Amino acid sequence: MYIIKVKGKAKIPDYIQLRDENFVLIAYFRADRPLKKLEKYGLDGKEVALKEVIDNLPFGKLQKLEL
């Protein structure tokens, strides 16, 4: 799974994209609000680690998500 942080402009907030191994978009959510139903993506119980990754993630850089 891959993660990328997209910078918002003006009134549009920053967003996070989660993509699978084929780079297909599987989740899209605001960076300042936690994603609901993390178990659907195999991330159940990793909320704190995911929040830390999101906070330290540079904008526009696709990275492999390893939690």
N, C-alpha and C. Protein backbone atom coordinates (compact mmCIF):
# COMPACT_ATOMS: atom_id res chain seq x y z
N MET A 1 0.85 -1.17 0.00
CA MET A 1 0.00 0.00 0.00
C MET A 1 0.90 1.24 0.00
N TYR A 2 0.45 2.27 -0.69
CA TYR A 2 1.20 3.52 -0.80
C TYR A 2 0.36 4.67 -0.26
N ILE A 3 1.04 5.73 0.17
CA ILE A 3 0.38 6.90 0.74
C ILE A 3 0.99 8.15 0.13
N ILE A 4 0.13 9.14 -0.10
CA ILE A 4 0.58 10.44 -0.60
C ILE A 4 -0.27 11.52 0.06
N LYS A 5 0.38 12.64 0.38
CA LYS A 5 -0.29 13.78 1.00
C LYS A 5 -0.43 14.88 -0.05
N VAL A 6 -1.66 15.34 -0.26
CA VAL A 6 -1.96 16.33 -1.28
C VAL A 6 -2.26 17.66 -0.60
N LYS A 7 -1.54 18.70 -1.00
CA LYS A 7 -1.69 20.04 -0.42
C LYS A 7 -2.96 20.70 -0.92
N GLY A 8 -3.76 21.20 0.01
CA GLY A 8 -4.97 21.94 -0.33
C GLY A 8 -4.63 23.40 -0.62
N LYS A 9 -5.58 24.09 -1.22
CA LYS A 9 -5.38 25.51 -1.52
C LYS A 9 -6.57 26.30 -0.98
N ALA A 10 -6.29 27.47 -0.43
CA ALA A 10 -7.31 28.38 0.11
C ALA A 10 -8.21 27.63 1.09
N LYS A 11 -9.47 27.44 0.75
CA LYS A 11 -10.42 26.79 1.67
C LYS A 11 -10.45 25.27 1.53
N ILE A 12 -9.70 24.74 0.58
CA ILE A 12 -9.67 23.29 0.39
C ILE A 12 -8.59 22.71 1.31
N PRO A 13 -8.95 21.75 2.17
CA PRO A 13 -7.98 21.20 3.12
C PRO A 13 -6.99 20.24 2.47
N ASP A 14 -5.95 19.87 3.23
CA ASP A 14 -5.00 18.85 2.78
C ASP A 14 -5.69 17.49 2.81
N TYR A 15 -5.35 16.64 1.87
CA TYR A 15 -5.93 15.31 1.78
C TYR A 15 -4.86 14.24 1.74
N ILE A 16 -5.25 13.03 2.12
CA ILE A 16 -4.39 11.86 2.08
C ILE A 16 -5.01 10.86 1.11
N GLN A 17 -4.16 10.28 0.27
CA GLN A 17 -4.61 9.22 -0.63
C GLN A 17 -3.89 7.93 -0.24
N LEU A 18 -4.64 6.84 -0.15
CA LEU A 18 -4.06 5.51 0.02
C LEU A 18 -4.25 4.78 -1.30
N ARG A 19 -3.18 4.19 -1.79
CA ARG A 19 -3.22 3.48 -3.08
C ARG A 19 -2.68 2.07 -2.89
N ASP A 20 -3.22 1.13 -3.67
CA ASP A 20 -2.76 -0.26 -3.57
C ASP A 20 -1.48 -0.46 -4.38
N GLU A 21 -1.04 -1.71 -4.49
CA GLU A 21 0.22 -2.01 -5.18
C GLU A 21 0.19 -1.65 -6.66
N ASN A 22 -1.01 -1.54 -7.24
CA ASN A 22 -1.15 -1.13 -8.64
C ASN A 22 -1.43 0.36 -8.76
N PHE A 23 -1.26 1.09 -7.68
CA PHE A 23 -1.46 2.54 -7.59
C PHE A 23 -2.91 2.96 -7.83
N VAL A 24 -3.85 2.03 -7.61
CA VAL A 24 -5.28 2.34 -7.71
C VAL A 24 -5.71 2.98 -6.40
N LEU A 25 -6.45 4.08 -6.49
CA LEU A 25 -6.92 4.79 -5.30
C LEU A 25 -7.89 3.92 -4.52
N ILE A 26 -7.59 3.68 -3.23
CA ILE A 26 -8.48 2.88 -2.40
C ILE A 26 -9.10 3.69 -1.26
N ALA A 27 -8.49 4.83 -0.91
CA ALA A 27 -9.05 5.69 0.13
C ALA A 27 -8.57 7.12 -0.08
N TYR A 28 -9.45 8.06 0.25
CA TYR A 28 -9.18 9.49 0.08
C TYR A 28 -9.84 10.19 1.25
N PHE A 29 -9.06 10.83 2.11
CA PHE A 29 -9.63 11.45 3.30
C PHE A 29 -8.82 12.67 3.71
N ARG A 30 -9.45 13.54 4.50
CA ARG A 30 -8.79 14.75 4.98
C ARG A 30 -7.66 14.40 5.94
N ALA A 31 -6.57 15.11 5.84
CA ALA A 31 -5.41 14.85 6.68
C ALA A 31 -5.68 15.18 8.14
N ASP A 32 -6.58 16.12 8.40
CA ASP A 32 -6.85 16.53 9.78
C ASP A 32 -7.95 15.72 10.45
N ARG A 33 -8.56 14.80 9.72
CA ARG A 33 -9.60 13.94 10.30
C ARG A 33 -9.21 12.49 10.08
N PRO A 34 -9.31 11.70 11.15
CA PRO A 34 -8.92 10.29 11.00
C PRO A 34 -9.87 9.53 10.06
N LEU A 35 -9.32 8.56 9.39
CA LEU A 35 -10.08 7.72 8.47
C LEU A 35 -10.96 6.76 9.26
N LYS A 36 -12.19 6.66 8.88
CA LYS A 36 -13.10 5.71 9.52
C LYS A 36 -12.89 4.34 8.88
N LYS A 37 -13.22 3.30 9.63
CA LYS A 37 -13.18 1.92 9.13
C LYS A 37 -11.79 1.51 8.63
N LEU A 38 -10.78 1.73 9.46
CA LEU A 38 -9.41 1.36 9.09
C LEU A 38 -9.24 -0.14 8.88
N GLU A 39 -10.10 -0.94 9.53
CA GLU A 39 -9.99 -2.39 9.37
C GLU A 39 -10.24 -2.82 7.92
N LYS A 40 -11.00 -2.03 7.18
CA LYS A 40 -11.27 -2.31 5.77
C LYS A 40 -9.99 -2.30 4.94
N TYR A 41 -8.99 -1.56 5.39
CA TYR A 41 -7.73 -1.42 4.67
C TYR A 41 -6.58 -2.17 5.36
N GLY A 42 -6.90 -2.97 6.36
CA GLY A 42 -5.88 -3.72 7.08
C GLY A 42 -5.06 -2.87 8.04
N LEU A 43 -5.61 -1.74 8.47
CA LEU A 43 -4.88 -0.82 9.35
C LEU A 43 -5.52 -0.71 10.73
N ASP A 44 -6.36 -1.67 11.08
CA ASP A 44 -7.05 -1.64 12.37
C ASP A 44 -6.04 -1.70 13.51
N GLY A 45 -6.19 -0.80 14.48
CA GLY A 45 -5.29 -0.75 15.62
C GLY A 45 -4.01 0.02 15.36
N LYS A 46 -3.86 0.61 14.19
CA LYS A 46 -2.64 1.34 13.85
C LYS A 46 -2.90 2.83 13.67
N GLU A 47 -3.94 3.33 14.34
CA GLU A 47 -4.34 4.73 14.19
C GLU A 47 -3.24 5.70 14.59
N VAL A 48 -2.56 5.42 15.72
CA VAL A 48 -1.52 6.31 16.22
C VAL A 48 -0.34 6.33 15.26
N ALA A 49 0.07 5.17 14.78
CA ALA A 49 1.18 5.08 13.85
C ALA A 49 0.84 5.77 12.52
N LEU A 50 -0.40 5.60 12.04
CA LEU A 50 -0.82 6.24 10.80
C LEU A 50 -0.84 7.75 10.96
N LYS A 51 -1.31 8.25 12.10
CA LYS A 51 -1.33 9.69 12.36
C LYS A 51 0.09 10.26 12.35
N GLU A 52 1.03 9.53 12.94
CA GLU A 52 2.43 9.97 12.96
C GLU A 52 3.02 10.02 11.55
N VAL A 53 2.71 9.01 10.74
CA VAL A 53 3.18 8.98 9.35
C VAL A 53 2.61 10.17 8.59
N ILE A 54 1.32 10.44 8.75
CA ILE A 54 0.66 11.55 8.05
C ILE A 54 1.27 12.89 8.46
N ASP A 55 1.53 13.07 9.75
CA ASP A 55 2.10 14.33 10.23
C ASP A 55 3.50 14.58 9.68
N ASN A 56 4.28 13.53 9.45
CA ASN A 56 5.66 13.68 8.99
C ASN A 56 5.81 13.51 7.48
N LEU A 57 4.72 13.25 6.79
CA LEU A 57 4.77 12.99 5.35
C LEU A 57 4.90 14.30 4.57
N PRO A 58 5.87 14.38 3.66
CA PRO A 58 5.98 15.59 2.83
C PRO A 58 4.87 15.61 1.78
N PHE A 59 4.49 16.80 1.35
CA PHE A 59 3.44 16.93 0.34
C PHE A 59 3.93 16.45 -1.01
N GLY A 60 3.08 15.73 -1.72
CA GLY A 60 3.35 15.34 -3.09
C GLY A 60 4.34 14.23 -3.31
N LYS A 61 4.78 13.56 -2.23
CA LYS A 61 5.75 12.48 -2.38
C LYS A 61 5.07 11.15 -2.06
N LEU A 62 4.99 10.30 -3.06
CA LEU A 62 4.41 8.98 -2.90
C LEU A 62 5.38 8.09 -2.14
N GLN A 63 4.88 7.47 -1.06
CA GLN A 63 5.75 6.61 -0.24
C GLN A 63 5.04 5.30 0.04
N LYS A 64 5.84 4.25 0.18
CA LYS A 64 5.28 2.96 0.59
C LYS A 64 4.88 3.07 2.05
N LEU A 65 3.67 2.65 2.36
CA LEU A 65 3.16 2.72 3.73
C LEU A 65 3.58 1.46 4.48
N GLU A 66 4.44 1.65 5.46
CA GLU A 66 4.93 0.55 6.27
C GLU A 66 4.69 0.87 7.73
N LEU A 67 3.72 0.18 8.32
CA LEU A 67 3.39 0.42 9.73
C LEU A 67 3.71 -0.81 10.55
